[in-house]
PDB file of N, CA and C in Angstrom:
ATOM      1  N   MET A   1     133.892 -67.354  74.075  1.00  0.00           N
ATOM      2  CA  MET A   1     134.842 -69.024  75.078  1.00  0.00           C
ATOM      3  C   MET A   1     135.884 -69.176  73.330  1.00  0.00           C
ATOM      4  N   VAL A   2     135.443 -68.977  72.697  1.00  0.00           N
ATOM      5  CA  VAL A   2     135.939 -69.351  71.217  1.00  0.00           C
ATOM      6  C   VAL A   2     137.352 -68.431  71.321  1.00  0.00           C
ATOM      7  N   ASP A   3     137.318 -67.539  71.587  1.00  0.00           N
ATOM      8  CA  ASP A   3     138.413 -66.462  71.575  1.00  0.00           C
ATOM      9  C   ASP A   3     139.301 -67.182  72.791  1.00  0.00           C
ATOM     10  N   LEU A   4     138.706 -67.555  73.755  1.00  0.00           N
ATOM     11  CA  LEU A   4     139.569 -68.335  74.598  1.00  0.00           C
ATOM     12  C   LEU A   4     140.909 -69.510  74.909  1.00  0.00           C
ATOM     13  N   VAL A   5     139.507 -70.269  74.194  1.00  0.00           N
ATOM     14  CA  VAL A   5     140.102 -71.946  73.980  1.00  0.00           C
ATOM     15  C   VAL A   5     141.245 -71.409  72.949  1.00  0.00           C
ATOM     16  N   ALA A   6     140.653 -70.856  71.760  1.00  0.00           N
ATOM     17  CA  ALA A   6     141.691 -70.824  70.333  1.00  0.00           C
ATOM     18  C   ALA A   6     142.738 -69.792  70.701  1.00  0.00           C
ATOM     19  N   ARG A   7     142.711 -69.061  71.818  1.00  0.00           N
ATOM     20  CA  ARG A   7     143.732 -67.999  71.919  1.00  0.00           C
ATOM     21  C   ARG A   7     144.237 -67.502  70.970  1.00  0.00           C
ATOM     22  N   THR A   8     142.976 -66.195  70.661  1.00  0.00           N
ATOM     23  CA  THR A   8     142.937 -65.546  68.972  1.00  0.00           C
ATOM     24  C   THR A   8     143.575 -63.998  70.012  1.00  0.00           C
ATOM     25  N   ASP A   9     144.088 -63.906  68.745  1.00  0.00           N
ATOM     26  CA  ASP A   9     145.412 -62.612  69.012  1.00  0.00           C
ATOM     27  C   ASP A   9     144.557 -61.133  69.799  1.00  0.00           C
ATOM     28  N   ASP A  10     143.828 -60.755  69.309  1.00  0.00           N
ATOM     29  CA  ASP A  10     143.352 -59.840  69.716  1.00  0.00           C
ATOM     30  C   ASP A  10     142.639 -59.708  70.903  1.00  0.00           C
ATOM     31  N   ARG A  11     141.871 -60.842  71.057  1.00  0.00           N
ATOM     32  CA  ARG A  11     140.294 -61.211  72.211  1.00  0.00           C
ATOM     33  C   ARG A  11     140.842 -61.736  73.520  1.00  0.00           C
ATOM     34  N   PHE A  12     141.825 -62.894  73.331  1.00  0.00           N
ATOM     35  CA  PHE A  12     142.158 -63.525  74.500  1.00  0.00           C
ATOM     36  C   PHE A  12     142.878 -62.866  75.600  1.00  0.00           C
ATOM     37  N   ALA A  13     143.644 -62.028  76.091  1.00  0.00           N
ATOM     38  CA  ALA A  13     143.613 -61.531  77.207  1.00  0.00           C
ATOM     39  C   ALA A  13     142.581 -61.045  78.004  1.00  0.00           C
ATOM     40  N   PRO A  14     141.416 -59.428  76.919  1.00  0.00           N
ATOM     41  CA  PRO A  14     140.962 -59.175  77.674  1.00  0.00           C
ATOM     42  C   PRO A  14     139.671 -60.191  78.330  1.00  0.00           C
ATOM     43  N   VAL A  15     139.470 -61.404  76.719  1.00  0.00           N
ATOM     44  CA  VAL A  15     138.439 -62.532  77.455  1.00  0.00           C
ATOM     45  C   VAL A  15     138.797 -63.187  78.778  1.00  0.00           C
ATOM     46  N   ARG A  16     139.892 -63.321  78.715  1.00  0.00           N
ATOM     47  CA  ARG A  16     140.454 -64.486  79.867  1.00  0.00           C
ATOM     48  C   ARG A  16     140.151 -63.215  81.430  1.00  0.00           C
ATOM     49  N   ALA A  17     140.377 -62.010  81.211  1.00  0.00           N
ATOM     50  CA  ALA A  17     140.753 -61.532  82.254  1.00  0.00           C
ATOM     51  C   ALA A  17     139.475 -61.438  82.665  1.00  0.00           C
ATOM     52  N   ARG A  18     138.310 -60.681  82.031  1.00  0.00           N
ATOM     53  CA  ARG A  18     136.864 -61.022  82.294  1.00  0.00           C
ATOM     54  C   ARG A  18     136.295 -61.751  82.955  1.00  0.00           C
ATOM     55  N   LEU A  19     136.598 -63.403  82.248  1.00  0.00           N
ATOM     56  CA  LEU A  19     136.139 -64.081  82.457  1.00  0.00           C
ATOM     57  C   LEU A  19     136.993 -64.612  84.036  1.00  0.00           C
ATOM     58  N   ALA A  20     138.362 -64.759  84.208  1.00  0.00           N
ATOM     59  CA  ALA A  20     138.885 -65.120  85.834  1.00  0.00           C
ATOM     60  C   ALA A  20     137.461 -64.654  86.579  1.00  0.00           C
ATOM     61  N   GLY A  21     136.979 -66.136  87.223  1.00  0.00           N
ATOM     62  CA  GLY A  21     136.603 -65.653  88.624  1.00  0.00           C
ATOM     63  C   GLY A  21     135.334 -65.956  88.419  1.00  0.00           C
ATOM     64  N   THR A  22     134.682 -65.590  86.888  1.00  0.00           N
ATOM     65  CA  THR A  22     133.130 -65.520  86.981  1.00  0.00           C
ATOM     66  C   THR A  22     132.770 -67.240  86.478  1.00  0.00           C
ATOM     67  N   VAL A  23     131.582 -67.392  87.176  1.00  0.00           N
ATOM     68  CA  VAL A  23     130.709 -68.574  87.219  1.00  0.00           C
ATOM     69  C   VAL A  23     130.359 -68.558  85.872  1.00  0.00           C
ATOM     70  N   MET A  24     130.340 -69.307  85.277  1.00  0.00           N
ATOM     71  CA  MET A  24     129.572 -69.562  83.693  1.00  0.00           C
ATOM     72  C   MET A  24     128.766 -70.482  83.611  1.00  0.00           C
ATOM     73  N   HIS A  25     127.377 -69.834  82.924  1.00  0.00           N
ATOM     74  CA  HIS A  25     126.371 -70.668  82.246  1.00  0.00           C
ATOM     75  C   HIS A  25     126.345 -70.947  81.042  1.00  0.00           C
ATOM     76  N   ALA A  26     125.696 -71.301  80.597  1.00  0.00           N
ATOM     77  CA  ALA A  26     125.461 -71.398  78.922  1.00  0.00           C
ATOM     78  C   ALA A  26     124.242 -72.547  78.517  1.00  0.00           C
ATOM     79  N   PRO A  27     123.742 -72.087  77.256  1.00  0.00           N
ATOM     80  CA  PRO A  27     122.500 -73.056  77.036  1.00  0.00           C
ATOM     81  C   PRO A  27     123.644 -74.459  76.346  1.00  0.00           C
ATOM     82  N   ALA A  28     122.807 -75.162  76.550  1.00  0.00           N
ATOM     83  CA  ALA A  28     123.261 -76.478  75.980  1.00  0.00           C
ATOM     84  C   ALA A  28     124.058 -76.688  74.450  1.00  0.00           C
ATOM     85  N   HIS A  29     123.710 -76.023  73.824  1.00  0.00           N
ATOM     86  CA  HIS A  29     124.457 -76.244  72.639  1.00  0.00           C
ATOM     87  C   HIS A  29     125.284 -75.450  72.579  1.00  0.00           C
ATOM     88  N   PHE A  30     126.158 -74.653  73.366  1.00  0.00           N
ATOM     89  CA  PHE A  30     127.042 -74.014  73.458  1.00  0.00           C
ATOM     90  C   PHE A  30     128.464 -74.730  73.097  1.00  0.00           C
ATOM     91  N   ASP A  31     128.947 -75.975  73.217  1.00  0.00           N
ATOM     92  CA  ASP A  31     129.756 -77.072  72.982  1.00  0.00           C
ATOM     93  C   ASP A  31     129.836 -77.205  71.720  1.00  0.00           C
ATOM     94  N   ALA A  32     128.369 -77.378  70.846  1.00  0.00           N
ATOM     95  CA  ALA A  32     128.441 -77.366  69.330  1.00  0.00           C
ATOM     96  C   ALA A  32     128.956 -76.251  68.622  1.00  0.00           C
ATOM     97  N   GLU A  33     128.570 -74.860  69.022  1.00  0.00           N
ATOM     98  CA  GLU A  33     128.650 -73.651  68.621  1.00  0.00           C
ATOM     99  C   GLU A  33     129.967 -73.650  68.443  1.00  0.00           C
ATOM    100  N   VAL A  34     130.689 -73.783  69.718  1.00  0.00           N
ATOM    101  CA  VAL A  34     131.943 -73.700  69.798  1.00  0.00           C
ATOM    102  C   VAL A  34     132.974 -74.412  68.851  1.00  0.00           C
ATOM    103  N   LEU A  35     132.871 -75.567  68.954  1.00  0.00           N
ATOM    104  CA  LEU A  35     133.005 -76.440  67.546  1.00  0.00           C
ATOM    105  C   LEU A  35     132.844 -76.245  66.795  1.00  0.00           C
ATOM    106  N   SER A  36     131.859 -75.871  65.758  1.00  0.00           N
ATOM    107  CA  SER A  36     131.625 -75.344  64.730  1.00  0.00           C
ATOM    108  C   SER A  36     132.586 -74.292  64.293  1.00  0.00           C
ATOM    109  N   ALA A  37     132.846 -73.435  65.294  1.00  0.00           N
ATOM    110  CA  ALA A  37     133.854 -71.780  65.083  1.00  0.00           C
ATOM    111  C   ALA A  37     134.973 -72.944  64.716  1.00  0.00           C
ATOM    112  N   LEU A  38     135.364 -73.223  66.150  1.00  0.00           N
ATOM    113  CA  LEU A  38     136.606 -73.809  66.120  1.00  0.00           C
ATOM    114  C   LEU A  38     136.873 -74.874  64.596  1.00  0.00           C
ATOM    115  N   GLY A  39     136.238 -75.013  63.891  1.00  0.00           N
ATOM    116  CA  GLY A  39     136.779 -76.292  62.720  1.00  0.00           C
ATOM    117  C   GLY A  39     136.204 -75.255  61.765  1.00  0.00           C
ATOM    118  N   ARG A  40     135.576 -74.098  61.592  1.00  0.00           N
ATOM    119  CA  ARG A  40     135.568 -73.104  60.462  1.00  0.00           C
ATOM    120  C   ARG A  40     136.907 -72.239  60.718  1.00  0.00           C
ATOM    121  N   MET A  41     137.525 -72.329  61.871  1.00  0.00           N
ATOM    122  CA  MET A  41     138.874 -71.453  62.261  1.00  0.00           C
ATOM    123  C   MET A  41     140.542 -72.610  61.609  1.00  0.00           C
ATOM    124  N   GLN A  42     139.645 -73.329  61.687  1.00  0.00           N
ATOM    125  CA  GLN A  42     141.244 -74.458  60.907  1.00  0.00           C
ATOM    126  C   GLN A  42     140.641 -74.920  59.821  1.00  0.00           C
ATOM    127  N   ARG A  43     139.644 -74.651  59.588  1.00  0.00           N
ATOM    128  CA  ARG A  43     139.525 -74.925  57.720  1.00  0.00           C
ATOM    129  C   ARG A  43     140.149 -73.370  56.937  1.00  0.00           C
ATOM    130  N   ALA A  44     139.653 -72.215  57.746  1.00  0.00           N
ATOM    131  CA  ALA A  44     140.343 -70.747  56.728  1.00  0.00           C
ATOM    132  C   ALA A  44     141.842 -70.861  57.460  1.00  0.00           C
ATOM    133  N   GLY A  45     142.643 -71.887  57.876  1.00  0.00           N
ATOM    134  CA  GLY A  45     143.723 -71.651  58.295  1.00  0.00           C
ATOM    135  C   GLY A  45     144.273 -70.839  59.356  1.00  0.00           C
ATOM    136  N   VAL A  46     143.397 -70.652  60.019  1.00  0.00           N
ATOM    137  CA  VAL A  46     143.730 -69.464  61.791  1.00  0.00           C
ATOM    138  C   VAL A  46     144.441 -70.615  62.590  1.00  0.00           C
ATOM    139  N   LEU A  47     143.543 -71.853  62.446  1.00  0.00           N
ATOM    140  CA  LEU A  47     144.189 -72.525  63.629  1.00  0.00           C
ATOM    141  C   LEU A  47     144.481 -74.206  62.710  1.00  0.00           C
ATOM    142  N   THR A  48     145.306 -75.026  63.660  1.00  0.00           N
ATOM    143  CA  THR A  48     146.163 -76.075  62.980  1.00  0.00           C
ATOM    144  C   THR A  48     145.346 -77.221  64.055  1.00  0.00           C
ATOM    145  N   VAL A  49     145.621 -78.448  63.342  1.00  0.00           N
ATOM    146  CA  VAL A  49     144.387 -79.210  63.934  1.00  0.00           C
ATOM    147  C   VAL A  49     145.017 -79.304  65.664  1.00  0.00           C
ATOM    148  N   ALA A  50     146.077 -79.703  65.474  1.00  0.00           N
ATOM    149  CA  ALA A  50     146.757 -79.566  67.223  1.00  0.00           C
ATOM    150  C   ALA A  50     146.369 -78.669  67.828  1.00  0.00           C
ATOM    151  N   GLN A  51     145.968 -77.501  67.176  1.00  0.00           N
ATOM    152  CA  GLN A  51     145.545 -75.980  67.982  1.00  0.00           C
ATOM    153  C   GLN A  51     144.046 -76.778  68.692  1.00  0.00           C
ATOM    154  N   VAL A  52     143.502 -76.917  67.908  1.00  0.00           N
ATOM    155  CA  VAL A  52     142.324 -77.515  67.838  1.00  0.00           C
ATOM    156  C   VAL A  52     141.987 -78.489  68.994  1.00  0.00           C
ATOM    157  N   ASP A  53     142.634 -79.443  68.828  1.00  0.00           N
ATOM    158  CA  ASP A  53     142.282 -80.438  69.662  1.00  0.00           C
ATOM    159  C   ASP A  53     142.842 -80.138  71.210  1.00  0.00           C
ATOM    160  N   VAL A  54     143.658 -79.225  71.062  1.00  0.00           N
ATOM    161  CA  VAL A  54     144.023 -78.670  72.473  1.00  0.00           C
ATOM    162  C   VAL A  54     142.876 -77.993  73.336  1.00  0.00           C
ATOM    163  N   ALA A  55     142.395 -76.972  72.175  1.00  0.00           N
ATOM    164  CA  ALA A  55     140.944 -76.048  72.457  1.00  0.00           C
ATOM    165  C   ALA A  55     139.865 -76.943  72.913  1.00  0.00           C
ATOM    166  N   LEU A  56     139.995 -77.912  72.266  1.00  0.00           N
ATOM    167  CA  LEU A  56     138.608 -79.199  72.380  1.00  0.00           C
ATOM    168  C   LEU A  56     138.763 -79.190  74.113  1.00  0.00           C
ATOM    169  N   ASP A  57     140.284 -79.704  74.166  1.00  0.00           N
ATOM    170  CA  ASP A  57     140.368 -80.615  75.877  1.00  0.00           C
ATOM    171  C   ASP A  57     139.831 -79.003  76.927  1.00  0.00           C
ATOM    172  N   GLU A  58     140.843 -77.851  76.308  1.00  0.00           N
ATOM    173  CA  GLU A  58     139.714 -76.829  77.424  1.00  0.00           C
ATOM    174  C   GLU A  58     138.527 -76.546  77.305  1.00  0.00           C
ATOM    175  N   LEU A  59     137.982 -76.738  76.356  1.00  0.00           N
ATOM    176  CA  LEU A  59     136.280 -76.550  76.004  1.00  0.00           C
ATOM    177  C   LEU A  59     135.921 -77.413  77.350  1.00  0.00           C
ATOM    178  N   ARG A  60     136.382 -79.348  77.309  1.00  0.00           N
ATOM    179  CA  ARG A  60     135.652 -79.847  77.720  1.00  0.00           C
ATOM    180  C   ARG A  60     136.031 -79.448  79.396  1.00  0.00           C
ATOM    181  N   GLN A  61     137.115 -79.491  79.765  1.00  0.00           N
ATOM    182  CA  GLN A  61     137.376 -78.528  80.939  1.00  0.00           C
ATOM    183  C   GLN A  61     136.488 -77.219  81.598  1.00  0.00           C
ATOM    184  N   ALA A  62     136.291 -76.700  80.938  1.00  0.00           N
ATOM    185  CA  ALA A  62     135.756 -75.708  80.967  1.00  0.00           C
ATOM    186  C   ALA A  62     134.610 -75.728  81.977  1.00  0.00           C
ATOM    187  N   PRO A  63     134.663 -74.687  83.189  1.00  0.00           N
ATOM    188  CA  PRO A  63     133.723 -74.448  84.525  1.00  0.00           C
ATOM    189  C   PRO A  63     132.445 -73.940  84.004  1.00  0.00           C
ATOM    190  N   VAL A  64     131.996 -74.632  83.057  1.00  0.00           N
ATOM    191  CA  VAL A  64     130.348 -73.909  82.516  1.00  0.00           C
ATOM    192  C   VAL A  64     129.475 -75.025  82.644  1.00  0.00           C
ATOM    193  N   THR A  65     128.709 -74.231  83.500  1.00  0.00           N
ATOM    194  CA  THR A  65     126.988 -75.241  83.649  1.00  0.00           C
ATOM    195  C   THR A  65     126.324 -75.071  82.357  1.00  0.00           C
ATOM    196  N   ARG A  66     126.394 -76.470  81.521  1.00  0.00           N
ATOM    197  CA  ARG A  66     125.383 -76.467  81.013  1.00  0.00           C
ATOM    198  C   ARG A  66     123.518 -76.695  81.282  1.00  0.00           C
ATOM    199  N   HIS A  67     123.102 -75.664  80.400  1.00  0.00           N
ATOM    200  CA  HIS A  67     121.390 -75.321  80.586  1.00  0.00           C
ATOM    201  C   HIS A  67     120.278 -76.229  79.584  1.00  0.00           C
ATOM    202  N   GLY A  68     119.394 -77.101  79.443  1.00  0.00           N
ATOM    203  CA  GLY A  68     119.143 -77.712  78.672  1.00  0.00           C
ATOM    204  C   GLY A  68     118.128 -76.862  78.293  1.00  0.00           C
ATOM    205  N   LEU A  69     117.616 -76.821  76.907  1.00  0.00           N
ATOM    206  CA  LEU A  69     117.213 -76.670  76.054  1.00  0.00           C
ATOM    207  C   LEU A  69     115.525 -75.897  75.869  1.00  0.00           C
ATOM    208  N   PRO A  70     114.991 -77.338  76.311  1.00  0.00           N
ATOM    209  CA  PRO A  70     113.655 -76.745  76.659  1.00  0.00           C
ATOM    210  C   PRO A  70     113.002 -75.908  77.095  1.00  0.00           C
ATOM    211  N   SER A  71     113.384 -75.498  78.476  1.00  0.00           N
ATOM    212  CA  SER A  71     112.877 -74.428  79.006  1.00  0.00           C
ATOM    213  C   SER A  71     113.208 -72.858  78.572  1.00  0.00           C
ATOM    214  N   LEU A  72     114.280 -73.553  77.488  1.00  0.00           N
ATOM    215  CA  LEU A  72     114.779 -71.513  76.676  1.00  0.00           C
ATOM    216  C   LEU A  72     113.825 -71.293  75.228  1.00  0.00           C
ATOM    217  N   LEU A  73     113.584 -72.554  74.932  1.00  0.00           N
ATOM    218  CA  LEU A  73     112.747 -72.849  73.602  1.00  0.00           C
ATOM    219  C   LEU A  73     111.785 -71.487  73.127  1.00  0.00           C
ATOM    220  N   ALA A  74     110.534 -71.293  74.005  1.00  0.00           N
ATOM    221  CA  ALA A  74     109.655 -70.473  74.113  1.00  0.00           C
ATOM    222  C   ALA A  74     110.185 -68.871  73.879  1.00  0.00           C
ATOM    223  N   GLY A  75     111.354 -69.055  75.209  1.00  0.00           N
ATOM    224  CA  GLY A  75     111.625 -67.546  74.662  1.00  0.00           C
ATOM    225  C   GLY A  75     112.381 -67.144  74.035  1.00  0.00           C
ATOM    226  N   ALA A  76     113.136 -67.994  73.317  1.00  0.00           N
ATOM    227  CA  ALA A  76     114.247 -67.696  72.383  1.00  0.00           C
ATOM    228  C   ALA A  76     113.244 -67.584  71.033  1.00  0.00           C
ATOM    229  N   TRP A  77     112.503 -67.805  70.834  1.00  0.00           N
ATOM    230  CA  TRP A  77     111.677 -68.000  69.696  1.00  0.00           C
ATOM    231  C   TRP A  77     110.733 -66.778  69.641  1.00  0.00           C
ATOM    232  N   ALA A  78     110.281 -66.240  70.943  1.00  0.00           N
ATOM    233  CA  ALA A  78     109.256 -64.950  70.935  1.00  0.00           C
ATOM    234  C   ALA A  78     110.368 -63.810  70.761  1.00  0.00           C
ATOM    235  N   ARG A  79     111.430 -64.121  71.023  1.00  0.00           N
ATOM    236  CA  ARG A  79     112.686 -63.244  70.508  1.00  0.00           C
ATOM    237  C   ARG A  79     113.292 -62.896  69.058  1.00  0.00           C
ATOM    238  N   ARG A  80     113.163 -63.157  68.297  1.00  0.00           N
ATOM    239  CA  ARG A  80     112.923 -63.896  66.849  1.00  0.00           C
ATOM    240  C   ARG A  80     112.704 -62.523  66.013  1.00  0.00           C
ATOM    241  N   GLU A  81     112.209 -61.807  66.282  1.00  0.00           N
ATOM    242  CA  GLU A  81     112.650 -60.280  65.494  1.00  0.00           C
ATOM    243  C   GLU A  81     113.640 -59.409  65.441  1.00  0.00           C
ATOM    244  N   THR A  82     114.099 -59.737  66.927  1.00  0.00           N
ATOM    245  CA  THR A  82     115.350 -58.528  67.099  1.00  0.00           C
ATOM    246  C   THR A  82     116.570 -59.475  67.208  1.00  0.00           C
ATOM    247  N   LEU A  83     116.655 -60.860  67.656  1.00  0.00           N
ATOM    248  CA  LEU A  83     118.003 -61.973  67.739  1.00  0.00           C
ATOM    249  C   LEU A  83     117.891 -62.863  66.789  1.00  0.00           C
ATOM    250  N   GLY A  84     119.120 -63.257  66.385  1.00  0.00           N
ATOM    251  CA  GLY A  84     118.778 -64.656  65.701  1.00  0.00           C
ATOM    252  C   GLY A  84     118.903 -65.593  66.669  1.00  0.00           C
ATOM    253  N   LEU A  85     118.382 -66.749  66.826  1.00  0.00           N
ATOM    254  CA  LEU A  85     117.623 -67.788  67.274  1.00  0.00           C
ATOM    255  C   LEU A  85     118.752 -68.447  68.405  1.00  0.00           C
ATOM    256  N   ALA A  86     119.691 -68.906  67.896  1.00  0.00           N
ATOM    257  CA  ALA A  86     121.092 -69.706  68.488  1.00  0.00           C
ATOM    258  C   ALA A  86     121.360 -68.598  69.821  1.00  0.00           C
ATOM    259  N   ASP A  87     121.883 -67.140  69.450  1.00  0.00           N
ATOM    260  CA  ASP A  87     121.704 -66.060  70.183  1.00  0.00           C
ATOM    261  C   ASP A  87     120.331 -65.757  71.301  1.00  0.00           C
ATOM    262  N   ALA A  88     119.320 -65.816  70.663  1.00  0.00           N
ATOM    263  CA  ALA A  88     118.180 -65.529  71.181  1.00  0.00           C
ATOM    264  C   ALA A  88     117.836 -67.446  72.565  1.00  0.00           C
ATOM    265  N   LEU A  89     118.482 -68.115  72.776  1.00  0.00           N
ATOM    266  CA  LEU A  89     118.682 -69.028  73.623  1.00  0.00           C
ATOM    267  C   LEU A  89     119.822 -68.665  74.880  1.00  0.00           C
ATOM    268  N   TYR A  90     121.143 -67.849  74.546  1.00  0.00           N
ATOM    269  CA  TYR A  90     121.870 -67.303  75.227  1.00  0.00           C
ATOM    270  C   TYR A  90     120.686 -66.078  76.127  1.00  0.00           C
ATOM    271  N   VAL A  91     120.403 -65.188  75.171  1.00  0.00           N
ATOM    272  CA  VAL A  91     119.648 -64.155  75.781  1.00  0.00           C
ATOM    273  C   VAL A  91     118.572 -65.119  76.893  1.00  0.00           C
ATOM    274  N   GLU A  92     117.414 -65.909  76.618  1.00  0.00           N
ATOM    275  CA  GLU A  92     116.815 -65.904  77.497  1.00  0.00           C
ATOM    276  C   GLU A  92     116.952 -66.882  78.795  1.00  0.00           C
ATOM    277  N   LEU A  93     119.094 -67.270  78.127  1.00  0.00           N
ATOM    278  CA  LEU A  93     119.041 -68.166  79.575  1.00  0.00           C
ATOM    279  C   LEU A  93     119.458 -66.910  80.885  1.00  0.00           C
ATOM    280  N   ALA A  94     120.125 -66.011  80.042  1.00  0.00           N
ATOM    281  CA  ALA A  94     120.449 -64.923  80.944  1.00  0.00           C
ATOM    282  C   ALA A  94     119.259 -63.961  81.688  1.00  0.00           C
ATOM    283  N   ASP A  95     118.275 -63.696  80.986  1.00  0.00           N
ATOM    284  CA  ASP A  95     117.414 -62.976  81.576  1.00  0.00           C
ATOM    285  C   ASP A  95     116.490 -64.183  82.314  1.00  0.00           C
ATOM    286  N   THR A  96     116.211 -65.606  82.226  1.00  0.00           N
ATOM    287  CA  THR A  96     115.186 -66.340  83.179  1.00  0.00           C
ATOM    288  C   THR A  96     116.119 -66.536  84.202  1.00  0.00           C
ATOM    289  N   ALA A  97     117.139 -66.658  84.367  1.00  0.00           N
ATOM    290  CA  ALA A  97     118.248 -67.113  84.972  1.00  0.00           C
ATOM    291  C   ALA A  97     118.897 -65.590  86.125  1.00  0.00           C
ATOM    292  N   GLY A  98     118.281 -64.261  85.563  1.00  0.00           N
ATOM    293  CA  GLY A  98     119.336 -63.051  85.866  1.00  0.00           C
ATOM    294  C   GLY A  98     120.746 -63.362  85.986  1.00  0.00           C
ATOM    295  N   LEU A  99     120.875 -63.906  84.903  1.00  0.00           N
ATOM    296  CA  LEU A  99     122.706 -63.993  84.825  1.00  0.00           C
ATOM    297  C   LEU A  99     123.295 -62.700  83.604  1.00  0.00           C
ATOM    298  N   VAL A 100     124.387 -62.158  83.627  1.00  0.00           N
ATOM    299  CA  VAL A 100     124.689 -61.302  82.942  1.00  0.00           C
ATOM    300  C   VAL A 100     125.427 -61.628  81.545  1.00  0.00           C
ATOM    301  N   LEU A 101     124.948 -61.398  80.406  1.00  0.00           N
ATOM    302  CA  LEU A 101     125.077 -62.327  79.066  1.00  0.00           C
ATOM    303  C   LEU A 101     127.200 -61.399  78.606  1.00  0.00           C
ATOM    304  N   LEU A 102     127.753 -62.479  78.665  1.00  0.00           N
ATOM    305  CA  LEU A 102     128.817 -61.489  78.101  1.00  0.00           C
ATOM    306  C   LEU A 102     129.246 -62.238  76.732  1.00  0.00           C
ATOM    307  N   THR A 103     129.590 -61.236  75.775  1.00  0.00           N
ATOM    308  CA  THR A 103     129.742 -61.657  74.694  1.00  0.00           C
ATOM    309  C   THR A 103     131.152 -60.874  74.117  1.00  0.00           C
ATOM    310  N   THR A 104     131.421 -60.823  72.524  1.00  0.00           N
ATOM    311  CA  THR A 104     132.488 -60.555  72.200  1.00  0.00           C
ATOM    312  C   THR A 104     131.978 -60.025  71.054  1.00  0.00           C
ATOM    313  N   ASP A 105     130.408 -60.139  70.830  1.00  0.00           N
ATOM    314  CA  ASP A 105     130.073 -60.167  69.292  1.00  0.00           C
ATOM    315  C   ASP A 105     129.328 -58.845  69.518  1.00  0.00           C
ATOM    316  N   HIS A 106     129.831 -57.716  69.150  1.00  0.00           N
ATOM    317  CA  HIS A 106     129.294 -56.327  68.626  1.00  0.00           C
ATOM    318  C   HIS A 106     127.672 -56.295  68.454  1.00  0.00           C
ATOM    319  N   ARG A 107     127.675 -57.147  67.518  1.00  0.00           N
ATOM    320  CA  ARG A 107     126.475 -57.268  67.034  1.00  0.00           C
ATOM    321  C   ARG A 107     124.735 -57.766  67.922  1.00  0.00           C
ATOM    322  N   LEU A 108     125.451 -58.515  68.870  1.00  0.00           N
ATOM    323  CA  LEU A 108     124.884 -59.452  70.322  1.00  0.00           C
ATOM    324  C   LEU A 108     124.429 -57.740  70.947  1.00  0.00           C
ATOM    325  N   GLY A 109     125.756 -57.020  71.460  1.00  0.00           N
ATOM    326  CA  GLY A 109     125.435 -56.538  72.029  1.00  0.00           C
ATOM    327  C   GLY A 109     124.870 -55.486  71.644  1.00  0.00           C
ATOM    328  N   ARG A 110     124.594 -54.628  70.523  1.00  0.00           N
ATOM    329  CA  ARG A 110     123.754 -53.955  70.084  1.00  0.00           C
ATOM    330  C   ARG A 110     122.266 -54.710  70.364  1.00  0.00           C
ATOM    331  N   ALA A 111     122.112 -55.285  69.939  1.00  0.00           N
ATOM    332  CA  ALA A 111     120.799 -56.167  69.648  1.00  0.00           C
ATOM    333  C   ALA A 111     120.302 -56.495  71.182  1.00  0.00           C
ATOM    334  N   TRP A 112     120.933 -56.269  72.300  1.00  0.00           N
ATOM    335  CA  TRP A 112     120.665 -56.898  73.658  1.00  0.00           C
ATOM    336  C   TRP A 112     121.426 -56.412  74.251  1.00  0.00           C
ATOM    337  N   PRO A 113     121.151 -55.148  74.531  1.00  0.00           N
ATOM    338  CA  PRO A 113     121.758 -53.845  75.527  1.00  0.00           C
ATOM    339  C   PRO A 113     122.329 -54.030  76.612  1.00  0.00           C
ATOM    340  N   SER A 114     121.350 -55.043  77.420  1.00  0.00           N
ATOM    341  CA  SER A 114     121.651 -55.626  78.577  1.00  0.00           C
ATOM    342  C   SER A 114     123.563 -56.353  78.101  1.00  0.00           C
ATOM    343  N   ALA A 115     123.585 -56.831  77.335  1.00  0.00           N
ATOM    344  CA  ALA A 115     124.857 -57.656  77.296  1.00  0.00           C
ATOM    345  C   ALA A 115     126.238 -56.764  77.744  1.00  0.00           C
ATOM    346  N   GLU A 116     126.642 -57.491  77.811  1.00  0.00           N
ATOM    347  CA  GLU A 116     128.289 -56.845  78.518  1.00  0.00           C
ATOM    348  C   GLU A 116     129.293 -57.337  77.664  1.00  0.00           C
ATOM    349  N   VAL A 117     129.563 -56.204  76.309  1.00  0.00           N
ATOM    350  CA  VAL A 117     130.655 -56.233  75.347  1.00  0.00           C
ATOM    351  C   VAL A 117     131.843 -56.825  76.035  1.00  0.00           C
ATOM    352  N   ILE A 118     132.838 -57.655  75.706  1.00  0.00           N
ATOM    353  CA  ILE A 118     134.054 -57.562  75.619  1.00  0.00           C
ATOM    354  C   ILE A 118     134.604 -57.420  74.806  1.00  0.00           C
ATOM    355  N   ALA A 119     135.708 -56.183  75.201  1.00  0.00           N
ATOM    356  CA  ALA A 119     136.414 -55.267  73.709  1.00  0.00           C
ATOM    357  C   ALA A 119     137.558 -56.088  73.633  1.00  0.00           C
TER     358      ALA A 119
END
């Protein structure tokens, strides 16, 4: 989602194409993770404050169903040996809800082979 709302040069088009018409689900902490990534990009000079403001508006309007974390915690914790805990929440949601995990993170794709990595 960061690549989509931040309109990153290298990933925007493939992410937009893959997500078109996709019903999206994410753990409830999703918005905080996107906000953090946008903040890092702004501090690094990749995005302006105005670009982050636009990206946050798009994030607020994104048709993503946010899922509460309590039901995902135990499963995410059980995955701690192979995944970072924040990533494990996404994997647990996908696994328990029968969803496809879409990511641009190749490291996550290697750690969780069921994930679909958007190149």
